[in-house]
C-alpha atoms as a PDB file:
ATOM      1  CA  MET A   1     -46.679  17.623  17.496  1.00  0.00           C
ATOM      2  CA  SER A   2     -46.700  20.324  20.218  1.00  0.00           C
ATOM      3  CA  ASP A   3     -45.774  19.718  23.814  1.00  0.00           C
ATOM      4  CA  PRO A   4     -48.660  19.382  26.296  1.00  0.00           C
ATOM      5  CA  ILE A   5     -49.651  22.555  28.184  1.00  0.00           C
ATOM      6  CA  LEU A   6     -49.543  22.269  31.987  1.00  0.00           C
ATOM      7  CA  ILE A   7     -52.871  23.690  33.225  1.00  0.00           C
ATOM      8  CA  ALA A   8     -53.027  22.421  36.830  1.00  0.00           C
ATOM      9  CA  LYS A   9     -50.537  21.229  39.440  1.00  0.00           C
ATOM     10  CA  GLY A  10     -51.409  19.019  42.351  1.00  0.00           C
ATOM     11  CA  GLU A  11     -51.055  15.410  43.381  1.00  0.00           C
ATOM     12  CA  THR A  12     -51.507  14.686  39.693  1.00  0.00           C
ATOM     13  CA  ASP A  13     -50.502  17.332  37.151  1.00  0.00           C
ATOM     14  CA  ILE A  14     -53.097  18.022  34.432  1.00  0.00           C
ATOM     15  CA  PHE A  15     -52.071  18.806  30.872  1.00  0.00           C
ATOM     16  CA  LEU A  16     -53.958  19.987  27.788  1.00  0.00           C
ATOM     17  CA  LEU A  17     -52.899  18.439  24.507  1.00  0.00           C
ATOM     18  CA  PRO A  18     -52.897  21.355  22.030  1.00  0.00           C
ATOM     19  CA  GLN A  19     -54.291  19.158  19.238  1.00  0.00           C
ATOM     20  CA  MET A  20     -57.360  18.527  21.436  1.00  0.00           C
ATOM     21  CA  ALA A  21     -58.152  22.240  21.906  1.00  0.00           C
ATOM     22  CA  ASN A  22     -60.801  23.890  19.750  1.00  0.00           C
ATOM     23  CA  ARG A  23     -61.591  27.486  18.766  1.00  0.00           C
ATOM     24  CA  HIS A  24     -63.964  28.381  21.592  1.00  0.00           C
ATOM     25  CA  GLY A  25     -63.805  28.115  25.351  1.00  0.00           C
ATOM     26  CA  LEU A  26     -65.497  29.374  28.463  1.00  0.00           C
ATOM     27  CA  VAL A  27     -64.001  29.789  31.911  1.00  0.00           C
ATOM     28  CA  ALA A  28     -66.627  30.655  34.514  1.00  0.00           C
ATOM     29  CA  GLY A  29     -66.682  30.699  38.291  1.00  0.00           C
ATOM     30  CA  ALA A  30     -66.997  32.763  41.428  1.00  0.00           C
ATOM     31  CA  THR A  31     -64.794  35.725  42.272  1.00  0.00           C
ATOM     32  CA  GLY A  32     -61.280  34.746  43.301  1.00  0.00           C
ATOM     33  CA  THR A  33     -61.312  31.199  41.899  1.00  0.00           C
ATOM     34  CA  GLY A  34     -58.429  31.737  39.452  1.00  0.00           C
ATOM     35  CA  LYS A  35     -60.264  32.271  36.152  1.00  0.00           C
ATOM     36  CA  THR A  36     -57.921  35.019  34.940  1.00  0.00           C
ATOM     37  CA  VAL A  37     -54.794  33.080  35.838  1.00  0.00           C
ATOM     38  CA  SER A  38     -56.193  29.969  34.143  1.00  0.00           C
ATOM     39  CA  LEU A  39     -56.829  31.935  30.945  1.00  0.00           C
ATOM     40  CA  GLN A  40     -53.361  33.468  31.067  1.00  0.00           C
ATOM     41  CA  VAL A  41     -51.761  30.002  31.357  1.00  0.00           C
ATOM     42  CA  LEU A  42     -53.841  28.663  28.473  1.00  0.00           C
ATOM     43  CA  ALA A  43     -53.173  31.728  26.309  1.00  0.00           C
ATOM     44  CA  GLU A  44     -49.404  31.564  26.917  1.00  0.00           C
ATOM     45  CA  GLY A  45     -49.266  27.834  26.246  1.00  0.00           C
ATOM     46  CA  LEU A  46     -51.297  28.058  23.041  1.00  0.00           C
ATOM     47  CA  SER A  47     -49.350  31.106  21.916  1.00  0.00           C
ATOM     48  CA  HIS A  48     -46.067  29.189  22.287  1.00  0.00           C
ATOM     49  CA  THR A  49     -47.458  26.550  19.909  1.00  0.00           C
ATOM     50  CA  GLY A  50     -48.205  29.232  17.280  1.00  0.00           C
ATOM     51  CA  VAL A  51     -51.951  29.620  17.920  1.00  0.00           C
ATOM     52  CA  SER A  52     -53.398  33.148  17.829  1.00  0.00           C
ATOM     53  CA  VAL A  53     -55.315  33.898  21.020  1.00  0.00           C
ATOM     54  CA  LEU A  54     -58.138  36.391  21.665  1.00  0.00           C
ATOM     55  CA  HIS A  55     -59.082  36.909  25.305  1.00  0.00           C
ATOM     56  CA  ASP A  56     -62.436  38.628  25.924  1.00  0.00           C
ATOM     57  CA  ARG A  57     -63.052  39.305  29.600  1.00  0.00           C
ATOM     58  CA  ARG A  58     -66.590  40.290  30.502  1.00  0.00           C
ATOM     59  CA  GLN A  59     -67.507  41.660  33.912  1.00  0.00           C
ATOM     60  CA  GLY A  60     -70.818  42.229  35.608  1.00  0.00           C
ATOM     61  CA  ARG A  61     -74.180  40.650  35.129  1.00  0.00           C
ATOM     62  CA  PRO A  62     -75.526  39.443  31.773  1.00  0.00           C
ATOM     63  CA  LEU A  63     -76.926  42.119  29.464  1.00  0.00           C
ATOM     64  CA  ARG A  64     -80.491  40.932  30.015  1.00  0.00           C
ATOM     65  CA  ASP A  65     -80.309  42.215  33.612  1.00  0.00           C
ATOM     66  CA  GLN A  66     -79.543  45.769  32.528  1.00  0.00           C
ATOM     67  CA  PRO A  67     -82.259  48.350  31.966  1.00  0.00           C
ATOM     68  CA  ALA A  68     -83.159  48.895  28.315  1.00  0.00           C
ATOM     69  CA  ARG A  69     -82.527  52.650  28.226  1.00  0.00           C
ATOM     70  CA  PRO A  70     -80.227  54.367  25.731  1.00  0.00           C
ATOM     71  CA  GLY A  71     -77.129  55.822  27.336  1.00  0.00           C
ATOM     72  CA  ASN A  72     -77.581  53.870  30.580  1.00  0.00           C
ATOM     73  CA  LYS A  73     -74.276  53.648  32.476  1.00  0.00           C
ATOM     74  CA  SER A  74     -75.337  51.226  35.216  1.00  0.00           C
ATOM     75  CA  GLN A  75     -73.299  48.082  35.748  1.00  0.00           C
ATOM     76  CA  GLY A  76     -75.797  45.262  35.905  1.00  0.00           C
ATOM     77  CA  HIS A  77     -78.517  46.804  38.059  1.00  0.00           C
ATOM     78  CA  ARG A  78     -82.133  46.287  37.135  1.00  0.00           C
ATOM     79  CA  ALA A  79     -84.286  49.365  36.713  1.00  0.00           C
ATOM     80  CA  ARG A  80     -86.830  49.410  39.524  1.00  0.00           C
ATOM     81  CA  SER A  81     -89.925  51.507  39.783  1.00  0.00           C
ATOM     82  CA  THR A  82     -90.595  52.615  43.352  1.00  0.00           C
ATOM     83  CA  PRO A  83     -94.200  53.389  44.243  1.00  0.00           C
ATOM     84  CA  GLN A  84     -94.665  56.938  45.491  1.00  0.00           C
ATOM     85  CA  ALA A  85     -96.156  57.129  49.010  1.00  0.00           C
END
């Protein structure tokens, strides 16, 4: 059995038992809340137990907010039509 992975330190430390982890996860939150560091800690801990880890970091707004134009390079801005005066 693998050692628990320390995922948070505070008044009470919080550990993840590797046998309780599954194949999928989501870490979401506002800018600057420690999502990347949290994923790095989890990835390192799981990697030390022999688990292969894939980290997919998405930035920007969801795809549905992007204009549906081929070759569009905008980063999450909606296409707006401005009435001509």
